[in-house]
Amino acid sequence: MRQYRNHNKNVKNILITPSIFLLFGCLANQPIDTVSQVKIINFEQTKDLNCIEIDLIEAFGKKSMTADADRRNALTEFKNKIEEKGGNAGVILNQLNSKAGFKISGYAWNCDNLNERI
């Protein structure tokens, strides 16, 4: 009987411990959304928002489980690069989905009053 109890306790520990590590691992790896301030706009809006072109940006979302995930990864990288260049908006010129992943190219812009108008 005592051996049976120890076995049950060990099984519980085996089942619970990895779950806890998985939960905290997922929570710890969640990125803070620092690119939420970066907006994707179209070229016409750059005129209306008094935008200044900063630089050409290319981003790549490596092959993952789905094409949507590839595109999300590329878009996140695109926005991160815009922010690194000091921009607050981006205009996507080209999007390419391939077997290797998803590529986005476009321009980083710095626009006046972007958050107030969009």
Protein backbone atom coordinates (compact mmCIF):
# COMPACT_ATOMS: atom_id res chain seq x y z
CA MET A 1 0.00 0.00 0.00
CA ARG A 2 2.79 2.40 0.93
CA GLN A 3 4.56 1.66 -2.34
CA TYR A 4 1.32 2.36 -4.24
CA ARG A 5 0.99 5.79 -2.57
CA ASN A 6 4.57 6.71 -3.42
CA HIS A 7 3.94 5.61 -7.02
CA ASN A 8 0.84 7.86 -7.24
CA LYS A 9 2.76 10.76 -5.75
CA ASN A 10 5.57 10.28 -8.28
CA VAL A 11 3.09 10.11 -11.15
CA LYS A 12 1.46 13.36 -9.98
CA ASN A 13 4.86 15.05 -9.79
CA ILE A 14 5.76 13.79 -13.25
CA LEU A 15 2.51 15.15 -14.68
CA ILE A 16 2.38 18.46 -12.80
CA THR A 17 6.01 19.59 -12.94
CA PRO A 18 6.36 19.73 -16.74
CA SER A 19 2.99 21.47 -16.99
CA ILE A 20 4.16 24.20 -14.62
CA PHE A 21 7.41 24.68 -16.53
CA LEU A 22 5.51 24.80 -19.80
CA LEU A 23 3.07 27.37 -18.43
CA PHE A 24 5.76 29.66 -17.03
CA GLY A 25 7.96 29.12 -20.07
CA CYS A 26 5.15 30.29 -22.34
CA LEU A 27 4.42 33.27 -20.14
CA ALA A 28 8.07 34.27 -19.95
CA ASN A 29 8.52 34.06 -23.71
CA GLN A 30 5.53 36.20 -24.65
CA PRO A 31 6.94 39.30 -26.37
CA ILE A 32 5.94 42.68 -25.09
CA ASP A 33 4.08 44.38 -27.91
CA THR A 34 6.48 47.24 -28.57
CA VAL A 35 5.49 47.54 -32.22
CA SER A 36 1.81 48.24 -31.64
CA GLN A 37 2.59 51.93 -32.20
CA VAL A 38 3.84 51.18 -35.72
CA LYS A 39 0.99 51.37 -38.23
CA ILE A 40 0.82 49.95 -41.72
CA ILE A 41 -0.50 52.62 -44.07
CA ASN A 42 -0.78 53.08 -47.83
CA PHE A 43 1.21 55.47 -49.97
CA GLU A 44 -1.63 58.01 -50.26
CA GLN A 45 -1.77 58.30 -46.47
CA THR A 46 1.89 59.33 -46.38
CA LYS A 47 0.87 62.61 -48.04
CA ASP A 48 -2.13 63.21 -45.78
CA LEU A 49 -0.16 62.48 -42.61
CA ASN A 50 2.85 64.63 -43.56
CA CYS A 51 5.23 61.65 -43.53
CA ILE A 52 8.96 61.65 -44.10
CA GLU A 53 10.48 58.57 -45.75
CA ILE A 54 13.19 56.96 -43.63
CA ASP A 55 14.51 53.82 -45.32
CA LEU A 56 13.79 50.68 -47.31
CA ILE A 57 12.88 47.73 -45.06
CA GLU A 58 12.91 44.02 -45.83
CA ALA A 59 11.66 41.38 -43.42
CA PHE A 60 11.41 37.64 -43.60
CA GLY A 61 9.20 35.19 -41.70
CA LYS A 62 10.90 31.80 -41.76
CA LYS A 63 8.96 28.70 -42.61
CA SER A 64 6.75 27.70 -39.69
CA MET A 65 3.62 25.61 -39.29
CA THR A 66 1.31 27.77 -41.43
CA ALA A 67 1.52 30.47 -44.07
CA ASP A 68 -0.39 32.81 -41.72
CA ALA A 69 2.27 32.33 -39.05
CA ASP A 70 5.00 33.05 -41.60
CA ARG A 71 3.24 36.28 -42.61
CA ARG A 72 2.70 37.32 -38.97
CA ASN A 73 6.37 36.71 -38.21
CA ALA A 74 7.46 38.72 -41.24
CA LEU A 75 5.06 41.55 -40.35
CA THR A 76 6.34 41.65 -36.77
CA GLU A 77 9.93 41.79 -38.02
CA PHE A 78 8.93 44.50 -40.54
CA LYS A 79 7.41 46.62 -37.75
CA ASN A 80 10.40 46.01 -35.46
CA LYS A 81 12.78 47.21 -38.17
CA ILE A 82 10.64 50.31 -38.74
CA GLU A 83 10.78 51.09 -35.04
CA GLU A 84 14.56 50.51 -34.96
CA LYS A 85 14.95 53.08 -37.75
CA GLY A 86 12.88 55.60 -35.77
CA GLY A 87 9.71 55.29 -37.82
CA ASN A 88 6.11 54.98 -36.74
CA ALA A 89 4.56 53.79 -40.01
CA GLY A 90 5.28 51.46 -42.86
CA VAL A 91 4.14 51.10 -46.44
CA ILE A 92 4.30 47.57 -47.80
CA LEU A 93 5.42 47.45 -51.41
CA ASN A 94 5.72 43.72 -51.97
CA GLN A 95 4.80 40.47 -50.23
CA LEU A 96 6.15 37.13 -51.38
CA ASN A 97 5.16 33.72 -50.05
CA SER A 98 7.59 30.92 -50.91
CA LYS A 99 8.61 27.49 -49.66
CA ALA A 100 11.26 29.15 -47.52
CA GLY A 101 8.85 31.54 -45.79
CA PHE A 102 7.23 34.94 -46.25
CA LYS A 103 9.07 38.11 -47.35
CA ILE A 104 7.79 41.66 -46.96
CA SER A 105 9.50 44.68 -48.44
CA GLY A 106 8.52 48.30 -48.09
CA TYR A 107 9.48 51.62 -46.56
CA ALA A 108 9.69 52.99 -43.05
CA TRP A 109 8.10 56.40 -42.54
CA ASN A 110 7.88 58.93 -39.74
CA CYS A 111 4.44 60.59 -39.77
CA ASP A 112 3.06 63.53 -37.79
CA ASN A 113 0.08 62.81 -35.54
CA LEU A 114 -0.22 59.25 -36.78
CA ASN A 115 -1.92 57.86 -33.68
CA GLU A 116 -4.44 60.70 -33.57
CA ARG A 117 -5.54 60.31 -37.18
CA ILE A 118 -5.52 56.52 -37.69
